[in-house]
Amino acid sequence: MELKEQIKAPAETEARTGSYVGNPGSKAGAAPVERAPRPIEDGVDIGHVHLRASDLGKIKDFYVGILGFDVVVEAPTMLFVSAGGYHHHLGFNTWESKGGSPPPPGTTGLYHVAIRYPTRAGLGDALRRLRDAGYAIDGFNDHGTHEAIYLRDPEENGLELCWTGPRKSGTATPTATTLWATVAWTWPACSARASTRAARA
């Protein structure tokens, strides 16, 4: 199969099911602080993120081996992964970065990539996968709009694993502590990773 055929996007359906569910729209979604003079179309979304990589083997071990993404395209200098039959959610290449190092503190660029899970159970499964692999995280939070786990991939790219659940007006949101309590976790692993990153800086 040719590359252009492998990465062809699946047709959208009226039910909007699968890995892409769309935005709620400007009327049903979050109210903007400021509307653009010429607002962009409501259906616009982030299709994928493509990152420079140093070692594709480590990238694959993490995103495929631990998180469970499927490999869509793999070549000596690139790796595309996805979930749910999407053409690719994440792309990685070593075209100009093989053997390279993460940008030092104080530089601009990517802060983190948010990987959104369709269910809270799915986010809990991600946490179990990380625990079982002994992979440390940086922290977690309930933002009210979504619950999130923060960590870094093997090449220090920031990641947010999150779930956006239904919120009822006037009621308290579920706490991330509840999600956190679904699996046993050793906090020293989290602080050890933070200490290692501080030492590198």
Foldseek 3Di string as FASTA:
>chain_A
DDPVVLLDFDDADPCCDFPGNFAPFCVPDDPDPDADPDHDDRRDDDQAEEEEDADVVQVCCPVCVQLNWAWRDDDPFKTFTHPGSGSGHYIYGHPPAHNHADDDPPDDDAQADEDEDADLVSLLSSVVSCQVVLHAFQAWWDPVQWTWTWHAGPRRHIYIYIYGDDDDPPDDDDTCVVSVVVDDDDCVSNVVVVVVVVVVD
